[in-house]
């Protein structure tokens, strides 16, 4: 499911991929439901393609969001996103103890938790691994 949820640089919130055209994507805001185009020059990234740095490599965002969901029992994150950076780091260390403290910034933690809260609020908090559907010829 995270493959069709997009983040667009310079635009707030998250978007669902609706369709693709020749030089653009048609996306729908998860917050407002309003459909807009995203062009080739917009920096668009799928949440399914994002990973978080750890001491041992990278861990997919899907797994990190799943760990937050487990910690919060499926509810929204119980931390104020405007908290002091050290409080955010301490919270995130409870979720992902081996996250790379030099490469994962407090702003990254805020963004991840705000995405998590938005997905939970909109009922899109299925972070299970996506299965590739193989077509047989």
N, C-alpha and C. Protein backbone atom coordinates (compact mmCIF):
# COMPACT_ATOMS: atom_id res chain seq x y z
N UNK A 1 0.81 -1.19 0.00
CA UNK A 1 0.00 0.00 0.00
C UNK A 1 0.86 1.26 0.00
N UNK A 2 2.03 1.21 0.65
CA UNK A 2 2.88 2.40 0.70
C UNK A 2 3.44 2.79 -0.66
N UNK A 3 3.45 1.86 -1.61
CA UNK A 3 3.94 2.18 -2.96
C UNK A 3 3.08 3.25 -3.63
N UNK A 4 1.80 3.30 -3.30
CA UNK A 4 0.90 4.27 -3.94
C UNK A 4 0.69 5.53 -3.10
N UNK A 5 1.37 5.62 -1.96
CA UNK A 5 1.33 6.83 -1.13
C UNK A 5 2.59 7.62 -1.45
N UNK A 6 2.42 8.87 -1.81
CA UNK A 6 3.53 9.68 -2.30
C UNK A 6 3.77 10.91 -1.43
N UNK A 7 5.04 11.32 -1.39
CA UNK A 7 5.43 12.59 -0.81
C UNK A 7 5.93 13.45 -1.96
N UNK A 8 5.47 14.69 -2.02
CA UNK A 8 5.88 15.59 -3.09
C UNK A 8 6.60 16.77 -2.46
N UNK A 9 7.85 16.94 -2.85
CA UNK A 9 8.67 18.02 -2.30
C UNK A 9 8.01 19.37 -2.56
N UNK A 10 7.93 20.18 -1.51
CA UNK A 10 7.34 21.50 -1.62
C UNK A 10 5.84 21.54 -1.40
N UNK A 11 5.22 20.37 -1.27
CA UNK A 11 3.78 20.32 -1.01
C UNK A 11 3.56 19.61 0.32
N UNK A 12 2.71 20.16 1.17
CA UNK A 12 2.49 19.54 2.48
C UNK A 12 1.65 18.27 2.37
N UNK A 13 1.83 17.39 3.34
CA UNK A 13 1.00 16.19 3.43
C UNK A 13 1.45 15.07 2.52
N UNK A 14 0.59 14.10 2.41
CA UNK A 14 0.83 12.92 1.57
C UNK A 14 -0.25 12.84 0.51
N UNK A 15 0.07 12.10 -0.55
CA UNK A 15 -0.84 11.99 -1.69
C UNK A 15 -0.97 10.54 -2.11
N UNK A 16 -2.17 10.20 -2.63
CA UNK A 16 -2.41 8.88 -3.20
C UNK A 16 -2.26 9.00 -4.72
N UNK A 17 -1.59 8.03 -5.31
CA UNK A 17 -1.48 7.99 -6.76
C UNK A 17 -2.83 7.56 -7.33
N UNK A 18 -3.39 8.40 -8.20
CA UNK A 18 -4.68 8.09 -8.82
C UNK A 18 -4.46 7.48 -10.20
N UNK A 19 -3.66 8.18 -11.02
CA UNK A 19 -3.35 7.66 -12.36
C UNK A 19 -2.10 8.34 -12.90
N UNK A 20 -1.63 7.81 -14.02
CA UNK A 20 -0.46 8.36 -14.67
C UNK A 20 -0.84 8.82 -16.07
N UNK A 21 -0.27 9.95 -16.46
CA UNK A 21 -0.44 10.44 -17.82
C UNK A 21 0.95 10.52 -18.44
N UNK A 22 1.05 11.11 -19.63
CA UNK A 22 2.33 11.10 -20.35
C UNK A 22 3.46 11.77 -19.56
N UNK A 23 3.26 12.98 -19.11
CA UNK A 23 4.32 13.72 -18.42
C UNK A 23 3.94 14.11 -17.00
N UNK A 24 2.97 13.42 -16.42
CA UNK A 24 2.55 13.80 -15.07
C UNK A 24 1.85 12.63 -14.38
N UNK A 25 1.70 12.81 -13.08
CA UNK A 25 0.91 11.89 -12.28
C UNK A 25 -0.32 12.66 -11.80
N UNK A 26 -1.42 11.97 -11.66
CA UNK A 26 -2.59 12.57 -11.04
C UNK A 26 -2.61 12.02 -9.62
N UNK A 27 -2.55 12.96 -8.65
CA UNK A 27 -2.50 12.56 -7.25
C UNK A 27 -3.67 13.18 -6.50
N UNK A 28 -4.03 12.52 -5.40
CA UNK A 28 -5.12 12.99 -4.55
C UNK A 28 -4.59 13.21 -3.15
N UNK A 29 -4.81 14.39 -2.60
CA UNK A 29 -4.35 14.70 -1.25
C UNK A 29 -5.07 13.80 -0.26
N UNK A 30 -4.31 13.19 0.64
CA UNK A 30 -4.91 12.34 1.67
C UNK A 30 -5.68 13.21 2.67
N UNK A 31 -5.22 14.44 2.85
CA UNK A 31 -5.86 15.33 3.82
C UNK A 31 -7.17 15.90 3.28
N UNK A 32 -7.13 16.48 2.08
CA UNK A 32 -8.30 17.19 1.55
C UNK A 32 -9.11 16.39 0.53
N UNK A 33 -8.50 15.38 -0.09
CA UNK A 33 -9.18 14.63 -1.13
C UNK A 33 -9.15 15.32 -2.48
N UNK A 34 -8.49 16.47 -2.56
CA UNK A 34 -8.41 17.24 -3.79
C UNK A 34 -7.39 16.62 -4.75
N UNK A 35 -7.76 16.48 -6.00
CA UNK A 35 -6.86 15.91 -7.01
C UNK A 35 -6.08 17.02 -7.70
N UNK A 36 -4.80 16.77 -7.89
CA UNK A 36 -3.92 17.72 -8.56
C UNK A 36 -2.90 16.96 -9.40
N UNK A 37 -2.31 17.65 -10.38
CA UNK A 37 -1.25 17.00 -11.15
C UNK A 37 0.10 17.15 -10.46
N UNK A 38 0.97 16.17 -10.64
CA UNK A 38 2.36 16.26 -10.21
C UNK A 38 3.19 16.02 -11.46
N UNK A 39 3.99 17.00 -11.82
CA UNK A 39 4.72 16.94 -13.08
C UNK A 39 6.09 16.31 -12.91
N UNK A 40 6.74 16.07 -14.04
CA UNK A 40 8.05 15.41 -14.04
C UNK A 40 9.10 16.20 -13.25
N UNK A 41 8.97 17.52 -13.20
CA UNK A 41 9.95 18.34 -12.48
C UNK A 41 9.72 18.35 -10.97
N UNK A 42 8.56 17.89 -10.51
CA UNK A 42 8.30 17.80 -9.07
C UNK A 42 9.08 16.61 -8.51
N UNK A 43 9.62 16.77 -7.33
CA UNK A 43 10.33 15.66 -6.70
C UNK A 43 9.29 14.81 -5.96
N UNK A 44 8.94 13.69 -6.58
CA UNK A 44 7.92 12.79 -6.04
C UNK A 44 8.59 11.50 -5.61
N UNK A 45 8.30 11.06 -4.40
CA UNK A 45 8.86 9.79 -3.93
C UNK A 45 7.77 8.97 -3.25
N UNK A 46 7.80 7.69 -3.54
CA UNK A 46 6.85 6.76 -2.93
C UNK A 46 7.33 6.41 -1.53
N UNK A 47 6.42 6.33 -0.57
CA UNK A 47 6.80 5.94 0.78
C UNK A 47 7.38 4.53 0.80
N UNK A 48 7.01 3.71 -0.16
CA UNK A 48 7.56 2.37 -0.26
C UNK A 48 9.03 2.34 -0.65
N UNK A 49 9.55 3.45 -1.16
CA UNK A 49 10.95 3.52 -1.59
C UNK A 49 11.85 4.17 -0.55
N UNK A 50 11.31 4.61 0.57
CA UNK A 50 12.09 5.31 1.59
C UNK A 50 12.59 4.31 2.62
N UNK A 51 13.83 4.54 3.09
CA UNK A 51 14.41 3.70 4.13
C UNK A 51 15.05 4.62 5.18
N UNK A 52 15.20 4.11 6.39
CA UNK A 52 15.81 4.84 7.49
C UNK A 52 17.19 4.24 7.77
N UNK A 53 18.18 5.11 7.95
CA UNK A 53 19.53 4.65 8.25
C UNK A 53 19.62 4.05 9.64
N UNK A 54 20.27 2.89 9.73
CA UNK A 54 20.55 2.27 11.03
C UNK A 54 22.05 2.02 11.10
N UNK A 55 22.51 1.61 12.25
CA UNK A 55 23.93 1.31 12.41
C UNK A 55 24.36 0.14 11.52
N UNK A 56 23.43 -0.73 11.18
CA UNK A 56 23.75 -1.91 10.38
C UNK A 56 23.31 -1.81 8.93
N UNK A 57 22.92 -0.65 8.46
CA UNK A 57 22.47 -0.48 7.08
C UNK A 57 21.24 0.39 7.01
N UNK A 58 20.22 -0.09 6.30
CA UNK A 58 18.97 0.64 6.16
C UNK A 58 17.80 -0.28 6.46
N UNK A 59 16.72 0.29 6.95
CA UNK A 59 15.51 -0.48 7.21
C UNK A 59 14.36 0.24 6.48
N UNK A 60 13.53 -0.51 5.73
CA UNK A 60 12.44 0.12 4.98
C UNK A 60 11.49 0.90 5.89
N UNK A 61 10.99 2.01 5.36
CA UNK A 61 10.05 2.85 6.12
C UNK A 61 8.86 2.04 6.59
N UNK A 62 8.40 1.09 5.77
CA UNK A 62 7.26 0.24 6.12
C UNK A 62 7.49 -0.45 7.46
N UNK A 63 8.71 -0.96 7.67
CA UNK A 63 9.02 -1.65 8.92
C UNK A 63 9.07 -0.68 10.09
N UNK A 64 9.63 0.50 9.86
CA UNK A 64 9.71 1.50 10.94
C UNK A 64 8.30 1.94 11.34
N UNK A 65 7.45 2.21 10.35
CA UNK A 65 6.07 2.60 10.65
C UNK A 65 5.34 1.48 11.40
N UNK A 66 5.63 0.24 11.02
CA UNK A 66 5.04 -0.90 11.73
C UNK A 66 5.48 -0.95 13.18
N UNK A 67 6.74 -0.61 13.45
CA UNK A 67 7.26 -0.59 14.82
C UNK A 67 6.60 0.52 15.64
N UNK A 68 6.37 1.68 15.00
CA UNK A 68 5.67 2.77 15.68
C UNK A 68 4.24 2.32 16.00
N UNK A 69 3.60 1.67 15.04
CA UNK A 69 2.23 1.18 15.23
C UNK A 69 2.17 0.19 16.39
N UNK A 70 3.17 -0.72 16.47
CA UNK A 70 3.22 -1.68 17.57
C UNK A 70 3.40 -0.96 18.90
N UNK A 71 4.30 0.03 18.94
CA UNK A 71 4.56 0.77 20.17
C UNK A 71 3.32 1.51 20.64
N UNK A 72 2.57 2.06 19.69
CA UNK A 72 1.39 2.88 20.03
C UNK A 72 0.10 2.07 20.00
N UNK A 73 0.17 0.76 19.83
CA UNK A 73 -1.01 -0.10 19.75
C UNK A 73 -2.01 0.37 18.69
N UNK A 74 -1.48 0.83 17.56
CA UNK A 74 -2.34 1.25 16.45
C UNK A 74 -2.87 2.66 16.55
N UNK A 75 -2.59 3.35 17.64
CA UNK A 75 -3.06 4.73 17.81
C UNK A 75 -2.02 5.71 17.27
N UNK A 76 -2.40 6.98 17.25
CA UNK A 76 -1.47 8.02 16.82
C UNK A 76 -0.29 8.11 17.80
N UNK A 77 0.82 8.59 17.30
CA UNK A 77 2.03 8.73 18.13
C UNK A 77 1.74 9.65 19.30
N UNK A 78 2.12 9.20 20.51
CA UNK A 78 1.82 9.93 21.74
C UNK A 78 2.94 10.89 22.11
N UNK A 79 3.47 11.59 21.13
CA UNK A 79 4.52 12.56 21.39
C UNK A 79 4.19 13.84 20.64
N UNK A 80 4.49 14.96 21.26
CA UNK A 80 4.28 16.24 20.62
C UNK A 80 5.38 16.42 19.57
N UNK A 81 5.00 16.60 18.31
CA UNK A 81 5.98 16.73 17.25
C UNK A 81 6.79 18.02 17.35
N UNK A 82 6.36 18.93 18.21
CA UNK A 82 7.11 20.17 18.43
C UNK A 82 8.05 20.06 19.62
N UNK A 83 8.22 18.84 20.11
CA UNK A 83 9.09 18.61 21.26
C UNK A 83 10.54 18.94 20.94
N UNK A 84 11.32 19.05 21.99
CA UNK A 84 12.75 19.25 21.88
C UNK A 84 13.36 18.11 21.05
N UNK A 85 14.36 18.39 20.21
CA UNK A 85 14.99 17.34 19.40
C UNK A 85 15.48 16.13 20.21
N UNK A 86 15.96 16.35 21.41
CA UNK A 86 16.44 15.22 22.22
C UNK A 86 15.28 14.33 22.67
N UNK A 87 14.13 14.92 22.92
CA UNK A 87 12.95 14.13 23.29
C UNK A 87 12.50 13.29 22.10
N UNK A 88 12.54 13.89 20.89
CA UNK A 88 12.18 13.14 19.68
C UNK A 88 13.15 11.98 19.46
N UNK A 89 14.44 12.23 19.65
CA UNK A 89 15.45 11.17 19.47
C UNK A 89 15.23 10.04 20.49
N UNK A 90 14.92 10.42 21.73
CA UNK A 90 14.69 9.41 22.77
C UNK A 90 13.48 8.55 22.42
N UNK A 91 12.40 9.19 21.96
CA UNK A 91 11.20 8.46 21.54
C UNK A 91 11.54 7.51 20.38
N UNK A 92 12.26 8.03 19.39
CA UNK A 92 12.58 7.23 18.21
C UNK A 92 13.51 6.08 18.57
N UNK A 93 14.37 6.28 19.57
CA UNK A 93 15.26 5.20 20.02
C UNK A 93 14.45 4.06 20.65
N UNK A 94 13.28 4.37 21.22
CA UNK A 94 12.42 3.32 21.75
C UNK A 94 11.80 2.51 20.62
N UNK A 95 11.57 3.15 19.49
CA UNK A 95 10.98 2.49 18.33
C UNK A 95 12.06 1.73 17.55
N UNK A 96 13.18 2.38 17.30
CA UNK A 96 14.26 1.82 16.49
C UNK A 96 15.59 2.08 17.20
N UNK A 97 15.96 1.21 18.14
CA UNK A 97 17.12 1.46 18.99
C UNK A 97 18.44 1.68 18.25
N UNK A 98 18.62 1.06 17.09
CA UNK A 98 19.90 1.19 16.40
C UNK A 98 19.88 2.19 15.25
N UNK A 99 18.96 3.19 15.29
CA UNK A 99 18.94 4.17 14.21
C UNK A 99 20.23 4.99 14.24
N UNK A 100 20.69 5.40 13.07
CA UNK A 100 21.95 6.15 12.95
C UNK A 100 21.72 7.58 13.41
N UNK A 101 22.23 7.89 14.58
CA UNK A 101 22.00 9.20 15.19
C UNK A 101 22.68 10.35 14.45
N UNK A 102 23.65 10.05 13.61
CA UNK A 102 24.32 11.11 12.85
C UNK A 102 23.62 11.41 11.53
N UNK A 103 22.93 10.42 10.97
CA UNK A 103 22.30 10.63 9.67
C UNK A 103 20.79 10.76 9.71
N UNK A 104 20.16 10.44 10.84
CA UNK A 104 18.72 10.62 10.99
C UNK A 104 18.52 11.85 11.88
N UNK A 105 18.04 12.92 11.28
CA UNK A 105 17.88 14.20 11.97
C UNK A 105 16.52 14.30 12.66
N UNK A 106 16.41 15.18 13.65
CA UNK A 106 15.10 15.39 14.30
C UNK A 106 14.00 15.75 13.30
N UNK A 107 14.36 16.50 12.24
CA UNK A 107 13.35 16.84 11.23
C UNK A 107 12.85 15.60 10.51
N UNK A 108 13.75 14.61 10.31
CA UNK A 108 13.33 13.35 9.69
C UNK A 108 12.36 12.60 10.60
N UNK A 109 12.65 12.61 11.90
CA UNK A 109 11.79 11.93 12.87
C UNK A 109 10.42 12.61 12.91
N UNK A 110 10.40 13.95 12.91
CA UNK A 110 9.13 14.68 12.90
C UNK A 110 8.31 14.32 11.66
N UNK A 111 8.97 14.31 10.50
CA UNK A 111 8.26 14.01 9.25
C UNK A 111 7.71 12.59 9.28
N UNK A 112 8.53 11.64 9.71
CA UNK A 112 8.09 10.24 9.78
C UNK A 112 6.89 10.10 10.71
N UNK A 113 6.94 10.72 11.88
CA UNK A 113 5.84 10.61 12.84
C UNK A 113 4.60 11.35 12.35
N UNK A 114 4.78 12.47 11.65
CA UNK A 114 3.61 13.18 11.13
C UNK A 114 2.96 12.35 10.02
N UNK A 115 3.77 11.68 9.19
CA UNK A 115 3.22 10.78 8.17
C UNK A 115 2.47 9.64 8.85
N UNK A 116 3.07 9.06 9.87
CA UNK A 116 2.43 7.96 10.60
C UNK A 116 1.07 8.40 11.14
N UNK A 117 1.05 9.56 11.82
CA UNK A 117 -0.21 10.06 12.40
C UNK A 117 -1.27 10.28 11.32
N UNK A 118 -0.86 10.83 10.18
CA UNK A 118 -1.80 11.07 9.08
C UNK A 118 -2.36 9.76 8.53
N UNK A 119 -1.48 8.77 8.34
CA UNK A 119 -1.93 7.47 7.82
C UNK A 119 -2.87 6.77 8.80
N UNK A 120 -2.59 6.87 10.10
CA UNK A 120 -3.46 6.27 11.11
C UNK A 120 -4.81 6.99 11.11
N UNK A 121 -4.77 8.32 11.08
CA UNK A 121 -6.00 9.12 11.11
C UNK A 121 -6.91 8.80 9.92
N UNK A 122 -6.31 8.55 8.76
CA UNK A 122 -7.10 8.30 7.55
C UNK A 122 -7.36 6.81 7.30
N UNK A 123 -6.99 5.96 8.26
CA UNK A 123 -7.26 4.53 8.12
C UNK A 123 -6.40 3.83 7.09
N UNK A 124 -5.19 4.36 6.86
CA UNK A 124 -4.29 3.78 5.87
C UNK A 124 -3.06 3.17 6.52
N UNK A 125 -3.21 2.66 7.73
CA UNK A 125 -2.07 2.19 8.52
C UNK A 125 -1.79 0.70 8.34
N UNK A 126 -1.89 0.20 7.12
CA UNK A 126 -1.53 -1.19 6.83
C UNK A 126 -0.09 -1.18 6.33
N UNK A 127 0.84 -1.54 7.20
CA UNK A 127 2.25 -1.48 6.86
C UNK A 127 2.83 -2.85 6.57
N UNK A 128 1.97 -3.83 6.30
CA UNK A 128 2.47 -5.18 6.01
C UNK A 128 3.20 -5.17 4.67
N UNK A 129 4.05 -6.16 4.49
CA UNK A 129 4.84 -6.23 3.26
C UNK A 129 3.94 -6.46 2.07
N UNK A 130 4.24 -5.71 1.01
CA UNK A 130 3.44 -5.82 -0.20
C UNK A 130 3.92 -7.00 -1.02
N UNK A 131 2.98 -7.76 -1.51
CA UNK A 131 3.31 -8.93 -2.33
C UNK A 131 3.29 -8.52 -3.80
N UNK A 132 4.33 -8.93 -4.51
CA UNK A 132 4.36 -8.71 -5.96
C UNK A 132 3.44 -9.74 -6.59
N UNK A 133 2.56 -9.31 -7.45
CA UNK A 133 1.65 -10.22 -8.15
C UNK A 133 2.32 -10.64 -9.45
N UNK A 134 2.59 -11.93 -9.55
CA UNK A 134 3.23 -12.44 -10.75
C UNK A 134 2.16 -12.88 -11.76
N UNK A 135 2.30 -12.40 -12.98
CA UNK A 135 1.36 -12.81 -14.02
C UNK A 135 1.98 -13.94 -14.83
N UNK A 136 1.22 -14.99 -15.02
CA UNK A 136 1.70 -16.12 -15.80
C UNK A 136 1.23 -15.96 -17.23
N UNK A 137 2.14 -16.22 -18.16
CA UNK A 137 1.78 -16.13 -19.60
C UNK A 137 1.23 -17.43 -20.11
